[in-house]
Protein backbone atom coordinates (compact mmCIF):
# COMPACT_ATOMS: atom_id res chain seq x y z
CA UNK A 1 0.00 0.00 0.00
CA UNK A 2 1.53 3.33 -1.09
CA UNK A 3 1.33 6.14 1.43
CA UNK A 4 1.85 9.89 1.07
CA UNK A 5 2.57 12.73 3.49
CA UNK A 6 0.76 15.92 2.57
CA UNK A 7 2.55 19.22 3.10
CA UNK A 8 0.98 21.35 5.89
CA UNK A 9 0.56 24.27 3.48
CA UNK A 10 -1.44 22.05 1.13
CA UNK A 11 -3.58 20.85 4.05
CA UNK A 12 -4.34 24.52 4.73
CA UNK A 13 -5.42 25.03 1.11
CA UNK A 14 -7.60 21.92 1.31
CA UNK A 15 -9.15 23.20 4.56
CA UNK A 16 -10.09 26.49 2.88
CA UNK A 17 -12.22 24.53 0.37
CA UNK A 18 -14.46 23.29 3.20
CA UNK A 19 -17.39 25.40 4.42
CA UNK A 20 -16.89 23.65 7.80
CA UNK A 21 -14.86 20.70 9.05
CA UNK A 22 -17.73 18.31 9.66
CA UNK A 23 -18.33 14.69 8.70
CA UNK A 24 -20.83 15.78 6.05
CA UNK A 25 -18.63 18.43 4.41
CA UNK A 26 -15.54 16.20 4.48
CA UNK A 27 -17.49 13.54 2.56
CA UNK A 28 -19.37 15.92 0.23
CA UNK A 29 -16.46 18.12 -0.78
CA UNK A 30 -13.39 15.92 -0.40
CA UNK A 31 -14.71 12.37 -0.26
CA UNK A 32 -12.72 11.56 2.90
CA UNK A 33 -13.58 10.43 6.41
CA UNK A 34 -12.96 12.24 9.67
CA UNK A 35 -10.16 9.74 10.37
CA UNK A 36 -8.42 10.65 7.11
CA UNK A 37 -8.90 14.35 7.88
CA UNK A 38 -7.28 13.91 11.31
CA UNK A 39 -4.34 12.14 9.67
CA UNK A 40 -3.93 15.02 7.21
CA UNK A 41 -4.27 17.64 9.91
CA UNK A 42 -1.83 15.87 12.23
CA UNK A 43 0.84 15.28 9.58
CA UNK A 44 0.38 11.51 9.34
CA UNK A 45 0.48 9.61 6.02
CA UNK A 46 -2.65 8.69 4.06
CA UNK A 47 -3.08 6.21 1.24
CA UNK A 48 -2.02 7.40 -2.21
CA UNK A 49 -5.42 6.38 -3.65
CA UNK A 50 -7.20 8.48 -1.02
CA UNK A 51 -4.97 11.45 -1.79
CA UNK A 52 -5.62 11.09 -5.53
CA UNK A 53 -9.39 11.02 -4.91
CA UNK A 54 -9.14 14.02 -2.58
CA UNK A 55 -7.26 16.04 -5.22
CA UNK A 56 -9.81 15.16 -7.90
CA UNK A 57 -12.69 16.17 -5.63
CA UNK A 58 -10.88 19.35 -4.61
CA UNK A 59 -10.38 20.29 -8.26
CA UNK A 60 -14.11 19.79 -8.91
CA UNK A 61 -14.95 21.92 -5.86
CA UNK A 62 -12.68 24.73 -7.06
CA UNK A 63 -14.38 24.91 -10.45
CA UNK A 64 -17.82 24.86 -8.86
CA UNK A 65 -18.94 21.48 -10.15
CA UNK A 66 -21.35 19.55 -7.94
CA UNK A 67 -19.83 16.64 -6.02
CA UNK A 68 -20.13 13.22 -7.63
CA UNK A 69 -22.51 10.88 -5.83
CA UNK A 70 -22.07 7.14 -5.95
CA UNK A 71 -24.99 5.33 -7.48
CA UNK A 72 -26.58 8.39 -9.01
CA UNK A 73 -25.00 8.28 -12.47
CA UNK A 74 -26.90 8.31 -15.73
CA UNK A 75 -28.17 4.96 -16.85
CA UNK A 76 -28.31 3.64 -20.40
C-alpha atoms as a PDB file:
ATOM      1  CA  UNK A   1       0.000   0.000   0.000  1.00  0.00           C
ATOM      2  CA  UNK A   2       1.527   3.325  -1.091  1.00  0.00           C
ATOM      3  CA  UNK A   3       1.334   6.143   1.430  1.00  0.00           C
ATOM      4  CA  UNK A   4       1.853   9.888   1.067  1.00  0.00           C
ATOM      5  CA  UNK A   5       2.566  12.727   3.492  1.00  0.00           C
ATOM      6  CA  UNK A   6       0.758  15.925   2.568  1.00  0.00           C
ATOM      7  CA  UNK A   7       2.552  19.217   3.103  1.00  0.00           C
ATOM      8  CA  UNK A   8       0.980  21.350   5.892  1.00  0.00           C
ATOM      9  CA  UNK A   9       0.562  24.271   3.478  1.00  0.00           C
ATOM     10  CA  UNK A  10      -1.439  22.052   1.127  1.00  0.00           C
ATOM     11  CA  UNK A  11      -3.584  20.848   4.053  1.00  0.00           C
ATOM     12  CA  UNK A  12      -4.342  24.525   4.729  1.00  0.00           C
ATOM     13  CA  UNK A  13      -5.420  25.029   1.106  1.00  0.00           C
ATOM     14  CA  UNK A  14      -7.602  21.924   1.315  1.00  0.00           C
ATOM     15  CA  UNK A  15      -9.151  23.204   4.564  1.00  0.00           C
ATOM     16  CA  UNK A  16     -10.086  26.486   2.878  1.00  0.00           C
ATOM     17  CA  UNK A  17     -12.219  24.530   0.372  1.00  0.00           C
ATOM     18  CA  UNK A  18     -14.455  23.290   3.196  1.00  0.00           C
ATOM     19  CA  UNK A  19     -17.387  25.397   4.421  1.00  0.00           C
ATOM     20  CA  UNK A  20     -16.888  23.653   7.797  1.00  0.00           C
ATOM     21  CA  UNK A  21     -14.860  20.699   9.051  1.00  0.00           C
ATOM     22  CA  UNK A  22     -17.729  18.305   9.655  1.00  0.00           C
ATOM     23  CA  UNK A  23     -18.326  14.694   8.700  1.00  0.00           C
ATOM     24  CA  UNK A  24     -20.835  15.783   6.054  1.00  0.00           C
ATOM     25  CA  UNK A  25     -18.633  18.432   4.413  1.00  0.00           C
ATOM     26  CA  UNK A  26     -15.544  16.199   4.478  1.00  0.00           C
ATOM     27  CA  UNK A  27     -17.493  13.541   2.561  1.00  0.00           C
ATOM     28  CA  UNK A  28     -19.373  15.924   0.232  1.00  0.00           C
ATOM     29  CA  UNK A  29     -16.460  18.121  -0.781  1.00  0.00           C
ATOM     30  CA  UNK A  30     -13.388  15.925  -0.402  1.00  0.00           C
ATOM     31  CA  UNK A  31     -14.707  12.371  -0.262  1.00  0.00           C
ATOM     32  CA  UNK A  32     -12.722  11.561   2.902  1.00  0.00           C
ATOM     33  CA  UNK A  33     -13.576  10.430   6.409  1.00  0.00           C
ATOM     34  CA  UNK A  34     -12.958  12.237   9.672  1.00  0.00           C
ATOM     35  CA  UNK A  35     -10.163   9.742  10.370  1.00  0.00           C
ATOM     36  CA  UNK A  36      -8.423  10.652   7.115  1.00  0.00           C
ATOM     37  CA  UNK A  37      -8.895  14.347   7.881  1.00  0.00           C
ATOM     38  CA  UNK A  38      -7.281  13.906  11.310  1.00  0.00           C
ATOM     39  CA  UNK A  39      -4.340  12.137   9.667  1.00  0.00           C
ATOM     40  CA  UNK A  40      -3.929  15.016   7.206  1.00  0.00           C
ATOM     41  CA  UNK A  41      -4.274  17.643   9.913  1.00  0.00           C
ATOM     42  CA  UNK A  42      -1.830  15.875  12.230  1.00  0.00           C
ATOM     43  CA  UNK A  43       0.838  15.277   9.578  1.00  0.00           C
ATOM     44  CA  UNK A  44       0.380  11.505   9.340  1.00  0.00           C
ATOM     45  CA  UNK A  45       0.478   9.612   6.023  1.00  0.00           C
ATOM     46  CA  UNK A  46      -2.645   8.695   4.064  1.00  0.00           C
ATOM     47  CA  UNK A  47      -3.084   6.208   1.239  1.00  0.00           C
ATOM     48  CA  UNK A  48      -2.021   7.404  -2.208  1.00  0.00           C
ATOM     49  CA  UNK A  49      -5.416   6.385  -3.655  1.00  0.00           C
ATOM     50  CA  UNK A  50      -7.204   8.480  -1.018  1.00  0.00           C
ATOM     51  CA  UNK A  51      -4.966  11.447  -1.787  1.00  0.00           C
ATOM     52  CA  UNK A  52      -5.621  11.091  -5.529  1.00  0.00           C
ATOM     53  CA  UNK A  53      -9.389  11.022  -4.907  1.00  0.00           C
ATOM     54  CA  UNK A  54      -9.139  14.017  -2.582  1.00  0.00           C
ATOM     55  CA  UNK A  55      -7.260  16.044  -5.221  1.00  0.00           C
ATOM     56  CA  UNK A  56      -9.810  15.162  -7.904  1.00  0.00           C
ATOM     57  CA  UNK A  57     -12.692  16.169  -5.630  1.00  0.00           C
ATOM     58  CA  UNK A  58     -10.885  19.354  -4.608  1.00  0.00           C
ATOM     59  CA  UNK A  59     -10.382  20.285  -8.257  1.00  0.00           C
ATOM     60  CA  UNK A  60     -14.114  19.792  -8.909  1.00  0.00           C
ATOM     61  CA  UNK A  61     -14.945  21.920  -5.857  1.00  0.00           C
ATOM     62  CA  UNK A  62     -12.680  24.735  -7.057  1.00  0.00           C
ATOM     63  CA  UNK A  63     -14.379  24.911 -10.452  1.00  0.00           C
ATOM     64  CA  UNK A  64     -17.819  24.864  -8.857  1.00  0.00           C
ATOM     65  CA  UNK A  65     -18.938  21.481 -10.151  1.00  0.00           C
ATOM     66  CA  UNK A  66     -21.353  19.554  -7.941  1.00  0.00           C
ATOM     67  CA  UNK A  67     -19.827  16.643  -6.024  1.00  0.00           C
ATOM     68  CA  UNK A  68     -20.133  13.219  -7.633  1.00  0.00           C
ATOM     69  CA  UNK A  69     -22.510  10.884  -5.833  1.00  0.00           C
ATOM     70  CA  UNK A  70     -22.068   7.145  -5.952  1.00  0.00           C
ATOM     71  CA  UNK A  71     -24.987   5.326  -7.477  1.00  0.00           C
ATOM     72  CA  UNK A  72     -26.575   8.395  -9.010  1.00  0.00           C
ATOM     73  CA  UNK A  73     -24.999   8.283 -12.467  1.00  0.00           C
ATOM     74  CA  UNK A  74     -26.899   8.311 -15.730  1.00  0.00           C
ATOM     75  CA  UNK A  75     -28.169   4.961 -16.848  1.00  0.00           C
ATOM     76  CA  UNK A  76     -28.314   3.643 -20.401  1.00  0.00           C
END
